[in-house]
Amino acid sequence: EEERLVVQEALAEARLEAGEQDVLAGELAELVAR
Protein backbone atom coordinates (compact mmCIF):
# COMPACT_ATOMS: atom_id res chain seq x y z
CA GLU A 1 0.00 0.00 0.00
CA GLU A 2 2.94 2.34 0.66
CA GLU A 3 4.38 1.51 -2.76
CA ARG A 4 0.97 2.17 -4.31
CA LEU A 5 0.82 5.59 -2.66
CA VAL A 6 4.33 6.45 -3.86
CA VAL A 7 3.25 5.61 -7.43
CA GLN A 8 0.12 7.75 -7.01
CA GLU A 9 2.31 10.65 -5.93
CA ALA A 10 4.64 10.10 -8.89
CA LEU A 11 1.64 10.04 -11.24
CA ALA A 12 0.37 13.34 -9.82
CA GLU A 13 3.82 14.89 -10.35
CA ALA A 14 3.99 13.62 -13.94
CA ARG A 15 0.54 14.98 -14.71
CA LEU A 16 1.44 18.34 -13.19
CA GLU A 17 4.58 18.42 -15.28
CA ALA A 18 2.41 17.69 -18.33
CA GLY A 19 0.25 20.73 -17.57
CA GLU A 20 -2.83 19.03 -16.07
CA GLN A 21 -2.99 21.34 -13.05
CA ASP A 22 -6.64 22.37 -13.48
CA VAL A 23 -8.00 18.81 -13.28
CA LEU A 24 -5.35 17.66 -10.81
CA ALA A 25 -6.11 20.41 -8.29
CA GLY A 26 -9.59 18.98 -7.78
CA GLU A 27 -8.76 15.29 -8.07
CA LEU A 28 -6.08 15.33 -5.37
CA ALA A 29 -8.42 16.58 -2.64
CA GLU A 30 -9.73 13.09 -1.76
CA LEU A 31 -6.28 11.49 -1.68
CA VAL A 32 -4.90 14.29 0.49
CA ALA A 33 -7.86 13.93 2.86
CA ARG A 34 -6.96 10.23 3.31
PDB file of all heavy atoms in Angstrom:
ATOM      1  N   GLU A   1       0.832  -1.205   0.000  1.00  0.00           N
ATOM      2  CA  GLU A   1       0.000   0.000   0.000  1.00  0.00           C
ATOM      3  C   GLU A   1       0.868   1.257   0.000  1.00  0.00           C
ATOM      4  O   GLU A   1       0.525   2.257  -0.634  1.00  0.00           O
ATOM      5  CB  GLU A   1      -0.942  -0.002   1.208  1.00  0.00           C
ATOM      6  CG  GLU A   1      -2.037  -1.069   1.152  1.00  0.00           C
ATOM      7  CD  GLU A   1      -3.076  -0.835   0.059  1.00  0.00           C
ATOM      8  OE1 GLU A   1      -3.124   0.276  -0.517  1.00  0.00           O
ATOM      9  OE2 GLU A   1      -3.849  -1.771  -0.233  1.00  0.00           O
ATOM     10  N   GLU A   2       2.008   1.207   0.688  1.00  0.00           N
ATOM     11  CA  GLU A   2       2.942   2.336   0.661  1.00  0.00           C
ATOM     12  C   GLU A   2       3.509   2.521  -0.749  1.00  0.00           C
ATOM     13  O   GLU A   2       3.600   3.652  -1.247  1.00  0.00           O
ATOM     14  CB  GLU A   2       4.074   2.096   1.669  1.00  0.00           C
ATOM     15  CG  GLU A   2       5.221   3.097   1.597  1.00  0.00           C
ATOM     16  CD  GLU A   2       4.826   4.523   1.944  1.00  0.00           C
ATOM     17  OE1 GLU A   2       3.776   4.730   2.602  1.00  0.00           O
ATOM     18  OE2 GLU A   2       5.580   5.445   1.563  1.00  0.00           O
ATOM     19  N   GLU A   3       3.872   1.421  -1.397  1.00  0.00           N
ATOM     20  CA  GLU A   3       4.382   1.508  -2.762  1.00  0.00           C
ATOM     21  C   GLU A   3       3.309   2.052  -3.710  1.00  0.00           C
ATOM     22  O   GLU A   3       3.620   2.830  -4.630  1.00  0.00           O
ATOM     23  CB  GLU A   3       4.863   0.138  -3.229  1.00  0.00           C
ATOM     24  CG  GLU A   3       6.109  -0.355  -2.504  1.00  0.00           C
ATOM     25  CD  GLU A   3       6.548  -1.736  -2.934  1.00  0.00           C
ATOM     26  OE1 GLU A   3       6.058  -2.225  -3.983  1.00  0.00           O
ATOM     27  OE2 GLU A   3       7.377  -2.342  -2.239  1.00  0.00           O
ATOM     28  N   ARG A   4       2.077   1.661  -3.488  1.00  0.00           N
ATOM     29  CA  ARG A   4       0.970   2.167  -4.311  1.00  0.00           C
ATOM     30  C   ARG A   4       0.838   3.677  -4.150  1.00  0.00           C
ATOM     31  O   ARG A   4       0.680   4.420  -5.133  1.00  0.00           O
ATOM     32  CB  ARG A   4      -0.327   1.475  -3.885  1.00  0.00           C
ATOM     33  CG  ARG A   4      -1.566   1.911  -4.642  1.00  0.00           C
ATOM     34  CD  ARG A   4      -2.795   1.302  -3.981  1.00  0.00           C
ATOM     35  NE  ARG A   4      -3.971   1.350  -4.806  1.00  0.00           N
ATOM     36  CZ  ARG A   4      -5.165   0.899  -4.429  1.00  0.00           C
ATOM     37  NH1 ARG A   4      -5.315   0.345  -3.231  1.00  0.00           N
ATOM     38  NH2 ARG A   4      -6.207   0.973  -5.233  1.00  0.00           N
ATOM     39  N   LEU A   5       0.952   4.159  -2.918  1.00  0.00           N
ATOM     40  CA  LEU A   5       0.823   5.588  -2.655  1.00  0.00           C
ATOM     41  C   LEU A   5       1.977   6.366  -3.283  1.00  0.00           C
ATOM     42  O   LEU A   5       1.784   7.456  -3.833  1.00  0.00           O
ATOM     43  CB  LEU A   5       0.759   5.831  -1.146  1.00  0.00           C
ATOM     44  CG  LEU A   5       0.443   7.247  -0.671  1.00  0.00           C
ATOM     45  CD1 LEU A   5      -0.804   7.813  -1.351  1.00  0.00           C
ATOM     46  CD2 LEU A   5       0.270   7.259   0.844  1.00  0.00           C
ATOM     47  N   VAL A   6       3.179   5.806  -3.229  1.00  0.00           N
ATOM     48  CA  VAL A   6       4.332   6.449  -3.863  1.00  0.00           C
ATOM     49  C   VAL A   6       4.101   6.581  -5.369  1.00  0.00           C
ATOM     50  O   VAL A   6       4.418   7.619  -5.975  1.00  0.00           O
ATOM     51  CB  VAL A   6       5.621   5.651  -3.573  1.00  0.00           C
ATOM     52  CG1 VAL A   6       6.773   6.113  -4.464  1.00  0.00           C
ATOM     53  CG2 VAL A   6       6.011   5.799  -2.105  1.00  0.00           C
ATOM     54  N   VAL A   7       3.538   5.555  -5.991  1.00  0.00           N
ATOM     55  CA  VAL A   7       3.247   5.610  -7.428  1.00  0.00           C
ATOM     56  C   VAL A   7       2.147   6.633  -7.707  1.00  0.00           C
ATOM     57  O   VAL A   7       2.193   7.355  -8.714  1.00  0.00           O
ATOM     58  CB  VAL A   7       2.863   4.211  -7.955  1.00  0.00           C
ATOM     59  CG1 VAL A   7       2.297   4.287  -9.366  1.00  0.00           C
ATOM     60  CG2 VAL A   7       4.092   3.307  -7.941  1.00  0.00           C
ATOM     61  N   GLN A   8       1.151   6.724  -6.839  1.00  0.00           N
ATOM     62  CA  GLN A   8       0.115   7.747  -7.005  1.00  0.00           C
ATOM     63  C   GLN A   8       0.707   9.148  -6.931  1.00  0.00           C
ATOM     64  O   GLN A   8       0.320  10.031  -7.697  1.00  0.00           O
ATOM     65  CB  GLN A   8      -0.972   7.563  -5.937  1.00  0.00           C
ATOM     66  CG  GLN A   8      -1.847   6.344  -6.154  1.00  0.00           C
ATOM     67  CD  GLN A   8      -2.819   6.111  -5.006  1.00  0.00           C
ATOM     68  OE1 GLN A   8      -2.457   6.196  -3.832  1.00  0.00           O
ATOM     69  NE2 GLN A   8      -4.049   5.799  -5.328  1.00  0.00           N
ATOM     70  N   GLU A   9       1.647   9.340  -6.028  1.00  0.00           N
ATOM     71  CA  GLU A   9       2.314  10.650  -5.929  1.00  0.00           C
ATOM     72  C   GLU A   9       3.131  10.931  -7.189  1.00  0.00           C
ATOM     73  O   GLU A   9       3.101  12.054  -7.719  1.00  0.00           O
ATOM     74  CB  GLU A   9       3.217  10.678  -4.695  1.00  0.00           C
ATOM     75  CG  GLU A   9       2.463  10.683  -3.383  1.00  0.00           C
ATOM     76  CD  GLU A   9       3.337  10.468  -2.168  1.00  0.00           C
ATOM     77  OE1 GLU A   9       4.407   9.815  -2.297  1.00  0.00           O
ATOM     78  OE2 GLU A   9       2.979  10.948  -1.080  1.00  0.00           O
ATOM     79  N   ALA A  10       3.839   9.928  -7.672  1.00  0.00           N
ATOM     80  CA  ALA A  10       4.641  10.103  -8.886  1.00  0.00           C
ATOM     81  C   ALA A  10       3.750  10.403 -10.088  1.00  0.00           C
ATOM     82  O   ALA A  10       4.099  11.224 -10.950  1.00  0.00           O
ATOM     83  CB  ALA A  10       5.480   8.854  -9.150  1.00  0.00           C
ATOM     84  N   LEU A  11       2.581   9.764 -10.153  1.00  0.00           N
ATOM     85  CA  LEU A  11       1.637  10.036 -11.240  1.00  0.00           C
ATOM     86  C   LEU A  11       1.148  11.478 -11.177  1.00  0.00           C
ATOM     87  O   LEU A  11       1.066  12.163 -12.199  1.00  0.00           O
ATOM     88  CB  LEU A  11       0.457   9.069 -11.163  1.00  0.00           C
ATOM     89  CG  LEU A  11      -0.685   9.328 -12.148  1.00  0.00           C
ATOM     90  CD1 LEU A  11      -0.188   9.280 -13.592  1.00  0.00           C
ATOM     91  CD2 LEU A  11      -1.819   8.312 -11.950  1.00  0.00           C
ATOM     92  N   ALA A  12       0.826  11.949  -9.973  1.00  0.00           N
ATOM     93  CA  ALA A  12       0.368  13.338  -9.823  1.00  0.00           C
ATOM     94  C   ALA A  12       1.459  14.306 -10.281  1.00  0.00           C
ATOM     95  O   ALA A  12       1.176  15.301 -10.962  1.00  0.00           O
ATOM     96  CB  ALA A  12      -0.018  13.605  -8.373  1.00  0.00           C
ATOM     97  N   GLU A  13       2.712  14.011  -9.940  1.00  0.00           N
ATOM     98  CA  GLU A  13       3.818  14.889 -10.354  1.00  0.00           C
ATOM     99  C   GLU A  13       3.985  14.887 -11.867  1.00  0.00           C
ATOM    100  O   GLU A  13       4.222  15.941 -12.483  1.00  0.00           O
ATOM    101  CB  GLU A  13       5.108  14.444  -9.668  1.00  0.00           C
ATOM    102  CG  GLU A  13       5.123  14.714  -8.174  1.00  0.00           C
ATOM    103  CD  GLU A  13       6.277  14.047  -7.450  1.00  0.00           C
ATOM    104  OE1 GLU A  13       6.906  13.131  -8.024  1.00  0.00           O
ATOM    105  OE2 GLU A  13       6.541  14.425  -6.298  1.00  0.00           O
ATOM    106  N   ALA A  14       3.856  13.704 -12.479  1.00  0.00           N
ATOM    107  CA  ALA A  14       3.990  13.622 -13.940  1.00  0.00           C
ATOM    108  C   ALA A  14       2.874  14.387 -14.634  1.00  0.00           C
ATOM    109  O   ALA A  14       3.106  15.098 -15.619  1.00  0.00           O
ATOM    110  CB  ALA A  14       3.988  12.159 -14.371  1.00  0.00           C
ATOM    111  N   ARG A  15       1.664  14.265 -14.117  1.00  0.00           N
ATOM    112  CA  ARG A  15       0.535  14.980 -14.711  1.00  0.00           C
ATOM    113  C   ARG A  15       0.686  16.496 -14.541  1.00  0.00           C
ATOM    114  O   ARG A  15       0.339  17.271 -15.438  1.00  0.00           O
ATOM    115  CB  ARG A  15      -0.774  14.499 -14.093  1.00  0.00           C
ATOM    116  CG  ARG A  15      -1.118  13.062 -14.444  1.00  0.00           C
ATOM    117  CD  ARG A  15      -2.394  12.626 -13.746  1.00  0.00           C
ATOM    118  NE  ARG A  15      -3.529  13.433 -14.165  1.00  0.00           N
ATOM    119  CZ  ARG A  15      -4.692  13.481 -13.528  1.00  0.00           C
ATOM    120  NH1 ARG A  15      -4.860  12.767 -12.419  1.00  0.00           N
ATOM    121  NH2 ARG A  15      -5.686  14.217 -13.983  1.00  0.00           N
ATOM    122  N   LEU A  16       1.199  16.908 -13.402  1.00  0.00           N
ATOM    123  CA  LEU A  16       1.436  18.340 -13.190  1.00  0.00           C
ATOM    124  C   LEU A  16       2.480  18.850 -14.165  1.00  0.00           C
ATOM    125  O   LEU A  16       2.325  19.919 -14.764  1.00  0.00           O
ATOM    126  CB  LEU A  16       1.883  18.578 -11.746  1.00  0.00           C
ATOM    127  CG  LEU A  16       2.138  20.045 -11.358  1.00  0.00           C
ATOM    128  CD1 LEU A  16       0.858  20.860 -11.460  1.00  0.00           C
ATOM    129  CD2 LEU A  16       2.714  20.126  -9.951  1.00  0.00           C
ATOM    130  N   GLU A  17       3.531  18.050 -14.345  1.00  0.00           N
ATOM    131  CA  GLU A  17       4.584  18.419 -15.285  1.00  0.00           C
ATOM    132  C   GLU A  17       4.043  18.496 -16.708  1.00  0.00           C
ATOM    133  O   GLU A  17       4.523  19.287 -17.533  1.00  0.00           O
ATOM    134  CB  GLU A  17       5.717  17.399 -15.208  1.00  0.00           C
ATOM    135  CG  GLU A  17       6.981  17.799 -15.937  1.00  0.00           C
ATOM    136  CD  GLU A  17       8.085  16.767 -15.783  1.00  0.00           C
ATOM    137  OE1 GLU A  17       8.011  15.937 -14.850  1.00  0.00           O
ATOM    138  OE2 GLU A  17       9.019  16.791 -16.613  1.00  0.00           O
ATOM    139  N   ALA A  18       3.019  17.688 -16.993  1.00  0.00           N
ATOM    140  CA  ALA A  18       2.412  17.685 -18.331  1.00  0.00           C
ATOM    141  C   ALA A  18       1.386  18.799 -18.504  1.00  0.00           C
ATOM    142  O   ALA A  18       0.782  18.925 -19.570  1.00  0.00           O
ATOM    143  CB  ALA A  18       1.765  16.336 -18.605  1.00  0.00           C
ATOM    144  N   GLY A  19       1.155  19.595 -17.458  1.00  0.00           N
ATOM    145  CA  GLY A  19       0.249  20.730 -17.568  1.00  0.00           C
ATOM    146  C   GLY A  19      -1.193  20.450 -17.213  1.00  0.00           C
ATOM    147  O   GLY A  19      -2.092  21.202 -17.596  1.00  0.00           O
ATOM    148  N   GLU A  20      -1.457  19.382 -16.433  1.00  0.00           N
ATOM    149  CA  GLU A  20      -2.827  19.025 -16.070  1.00  0.00           C
ATOM    150  C   GLU A  20      -3.257  19.626 -14.733  1.00  0.00           C
ATOM    151  O   GLU A  20      -4.070  19.048 -14.011  1.00  0.00           O
ATOM    152  CB  GLU A  20      -2.985  17.499 -16.013  1.00  0.00           C
ATOM    153  CG  GLU A  20      -2.775  16.814 -17.348  1.00  0.00           C
ATOM    154  CD  GLU A  20      -3.023  15.317 -17.252  1.00  0.00           C
ATOM    155  OE1 GLU A  20      -3.878  14.882 -16.461  1.00  0.00           O
ATOM    156  OE2 GLU A  20      -2.336  14.555 -17.980  1.00  0.00           O
ATOM    157  N   GLN A  21      -2.735  20.789 -14.371  1.00  0.00           N
ATOM    158  CA  GLN A  21      -2.986  21.342 -13.051  1.00  0.00           C
ATOM    159  C   GLN A  21      -4.461  21.620 -12.754  1.00  0.00           C
ATOM    160  O   GLN A  21      -4.910  21.446 -11.618  1.00  0.00           O
ATOM    161  CB  GLN A  21      -2.174  22.633 -12.840  1.00  0.00           C
ATOM    162  CG  GLN A  21      -2.436  23.743 -13.822  1.00  0.00           C
ATOM    163  CD  GLN A  21      -1.568  23.634 -15.070  1.00  0.00           C
ATOM    164  OE1 GLN A  21      -0.689  22.776 -15.151  1.00  0.00           O
ATOM    165  NE2 GLN A  21      -1.817  24.495 -16.029  1.00  0.00           N
ATOM    166  N   ASP A  22      -5.242  22.019 -13.741  1.00  0.00           N
ATOM    167  CA  ASP A  22      -6.644  22.366 -13.478  1.00  0.00           C
ATOM    168  C   ASP A  22      -7.437  21.155 -12.990  1.00  0.00           C
ATOM    169  O   ASP A  22      -8.160  21.230 -11.995  1.00  0.00           O
ATOM    170  CB  ASP A  22      -7.293  22.941 -14.747  1.00  0.00           C
ATOM    171  CG  ASP A  22      -6.698  24.290 -15.130  1.00  0.00           C
ATOM    172  OD1 ASP A  22      -6.324  25.038 -14.203  1.00  0.00           O
ATOM    173  OD2 ASP A  22      -6.584  24.582 -16.326  1.00  0.00           O
ATOM    174  N   VAL A  23      -7.296  20.026 -13.674  1.00  0.00           N
ATOM    175  CA  VAL A  23      -8.000  18.806 -13.280  1.00  0.00           C
ATOM    176  C   VAL A  23      -7.388  18.231 -12.001  1.00  0.00           C
ATOM    177  O   VAL A  23      -8.095  17.811 -11.084  1.00  0.00           O
ATOM    178  CB  VAL A  23      -7.946  17.764 -14.415  1.00  0.00           C
ATOM    179  CG1 VAL A  23      -8.565  16.446 -13.981  1.00  0.00           C
ATOM    180  CG2 VAL A  23      -8.635  18.293 -15.658  1.00  0.00           C
ATOM    181  N   LEU A  24      -6.073  18.256 -11.929  1.00  0.00           N
ATOM    182  CA  LEU A  24      -5.355  17.661 -10.813  1.00  0.00           C
ATOM    183  C   LEU A  24      -5.676  18.349  -9.497  1.00  0.00           C
ATOM    184  O   LEU A  24      -5.804  17.691  -8.451  1.00  0.00           O
ATOM    185  CB  LEU A  24      -3.855  17.727 -11.095  1.00  0.00           C
ATOM    186  CG  LEU A  24      -2.923  16.830 -10.306  1.00  0.00           C
ATOM    187  CD1 LEU A  24      -3.295  15.368 -10.506  1.00  0.00           C
ATOM    188  CD2 LEU A  24      -1.482  17.080 -10.734  1.00  0.00           C
ATOM    189  N   ALA A  25      -5.837  19.654  -9.520  1.00  0.00           N
ATOM    190  CA  ALA A  25      -6.108  20.407  -8.291  1.00  0.00           C
ATOM    191  C   ALA A  25      -7.361  19.895  -7.593  1.00  0.00           C
ATOM    192  O   ALA A  25      -7.416  19.816  -6.364  1.00  0.00           O
ATOM    193  CB  ALA A  25      -6.251  21.891  -8.616  1.00  0.00           C
ATOM    194  N   GLY A  26      -8.366  19.517  -8.377  1.00  0.00           N
ATOM    195  CA  GLY A  26      -9.588  18.985  -7.781  1.00  0.00           C
ATOM    196  C   GLY A  26      -9.474  17.522  -7.420  1.00  0.00           C
ATOM    197  O   GLY A  26      -9.927  17.087  -6.360  1.00  0.00           O
ATOM    198  N   GLU A  27      -8.822  16.741  -8.281  1.00  0.00           N
ATOM    199  CA  GLU A  27      -8.759  15.292  -8.067  1.00  0.00           C
ATOM    200  C   GLU A  27      -7.946  14.893  -6.835  1.00  0.00           C
ATOM    201  O   GLU A  27      -8.208  13.868  -6.213  1.00  0.00           O
ATOM    202  CB  GLU A  27      -8.160  14.609  -9.303  1.00  0.00           C
ATOM    203  CG  GLU A  27      -9.086  14.589 -10.501  1.00  0.00           C
ATOM    204  CD  GLU A  27      -8.501  13.844 -11.678  1.00  0.00           C
ATOM    205  OE1 GLU A  27      -7.346  13.386 -11.591  1.00  0.00           O
ATOM    206  OE2 GLU A  27      -9.204  13.701 -12.693  1.00  0.00           O
ATOM    207  N   LEU A  28      -6.962  15.701  -6.480  1.00  0.00           N
ATOM    208  CA  LEU A  28      -6.082  15.328  -5.368  1.00  0.00           C
ATOM    209  C   LEU A  28      -6.717  15.532  -3.998  1.00  0.00           C
ATOM    210  O   LEU A  28      -6.195  15.039  -2.996  1.00  0.00           O
ATOM    211  CB  LEU A  28      -4.778  16.125  -5.432  1.00  0.00           C
ATOM    212  CG  LEU A  28      -3.771  15.674  -6.486  1.00  0.00           C
ATOM    213  CD1 LEU A  28      -2.561  16.588  -6.502  1.00  0.00           C
ATOM    214  CD2 LEU A  28      -3.336  14.237  -6.249  1.00  0.00           C
ATOM    215  N   ALA A  29      -7.829  16.250  -3.938  1.00  0.00           N
ATOM    216  CA  ALA A  29      -8.420  16.577  -2.638  1.00  0.00           C
ATOM    217  C   ALA A  29      -8.751  15.319  -1.835  1.00  0.00           C
ATOM    218  O   ALA A  29      -8.465  15.243  -0.631  1.00  0.00           O
ATOM    219  CB  ALA A  29      -9.675  17.431  -2.838  1.00  0.00           C
ATOM    220  N   GLU A  30      -9.328  14.304  -2.477  1.00  0.00           N
ATOM    221  CA  GLU A  30      -9.725  13.087  -1.764  1.00  0.00           C
ATOM    222  C   GLU A  30      -8.509  12.323  -1.251  1.00  0.00           C
ATOM    223  O   GLU A  30      -8.491  11.846  -0.107  1.00  0.00           O
ATOM    224  CB  GLU A  30     -10.556  12.186  -2.678  1.00  0.00           C
ATOM    225  CG  GLU A  30     -11.052  10.920  -1.989  1.00  0.00           C
ATOM    226  CD  GLU A  30     -11.837  10.014  -2.917  1.00  0.00           C
ATOM    227  OE1 GLU A  30     -12.195  10.457  -4.033  1.00  0.00           O
ATOM    228  OE2 GLU A  30     -12.069   8.845  -2.541  1.00  0.00           O
ATOM    229  N   LEU A  31      -7.476  12.215  -2.094  1.00  0.00           N
ATOM    230  CA  LEU A  31      -6.278  11.487  -1.685  1.00  0.00           C
ATOM    231  C   LEU A  31      -5.579  12.211  -0.535  1.00  0.00           C
ATOM    232  O   LEU A  31      -5.102  11.565   0.413  1.00  0.00           O
ATOM    233  CB  LEU A  31      -5.336  11.341  -2.882  1.00  0.00           C
ATOM    234  CG  LEU A  31      -4.157  10.379  -2.711  1.00  0.00           C
ATOM    235  CD1 LEU A  31      -4.623   8.963  -2.400  1.00  0.00           C
ATOM    236  CD2 LEU A  31      -3.279  10.377  -3.974  1.00  0.00           C
ATOM    237  N   VAL A  32      -5.517  13.523  -0.594  1.00  0.00           N
ATOM    238  CA  VAL A  32      -4.899  14.293   0.485  1.00  0.00           C
ATOM    239  C   VAL A  32      -5.702  14.142   1.774  1.00  0.00           C
ATOM    240  O   VAL A  32      -5.133  14.047   2.866  1.00  0.00           O
ATOM    241  CB  VAL A  32      -4.771  15.778   0.085  1.00  0.00           C
ATOM    242  CG1 VAL A  32      -4.422  16.645   1.294  1.00  0.00           C
ATOM    243  CG2 VAL A  32      -3.711  15.939  -0.996  1.00  0.00           C
ATOM    244  N   ALA A  33      -7.020  14.093   1.669  1.00  0.00           N
ATOM    245  CA  ALA A  33      -7.860  13.925   2.863  1.00  0.00           C
ATOM    246  C   ALA A  33      -7.584  12.590   3.541  1.00  0.00           C
ATOM    247  O   ALA A  33      -7.642  12.485   4.772  1.00  0.00           O
ATOM    248  CB  ALA A  33      -9.335  14.036   2.480  1.00  0.00           C
ATOM    249  N   ARG A  34      -7.267  11.544   2.739  1.00  0.00           N
ATOM    250  CA  ARG A  34      -6.962  10.230   3.313  1.00  0.00           C
ATOM    251  C   ARG A  34      -5.551  10.169   3.894  1.00  0.00           C
ATOM    252  O   ARG A  34      -5.286   9.369   4.782  1.00  0.00           O
ATOM    253  CB  ARG A  34      -7.130   9.129   2.260  1.00  0.00           C
ATOM    254  CG  ARG A  34      -8.561   8.943   1.781  1.00  0.00           C
ATOM    255  CD  ARG A  34      -8.761   7.540   1.211  1.00  0.00           C
ATOM    256  NE  ARG A  34      -7.819   7.212   0.153  1.00  0.00           N
ATOM    257  CZ  ARG A  34      -8.014   7.434  -1.140  1.00  0.00           C
ATOM    258  NH1 ARG A  34      -9.143   8.002  -1.542  1.00  0.00           N
ATOM    259  NH2 ARG A  34      -7.120   7.083  -2.039  1.00  0.00           N
TER     260      ARG A  34
END
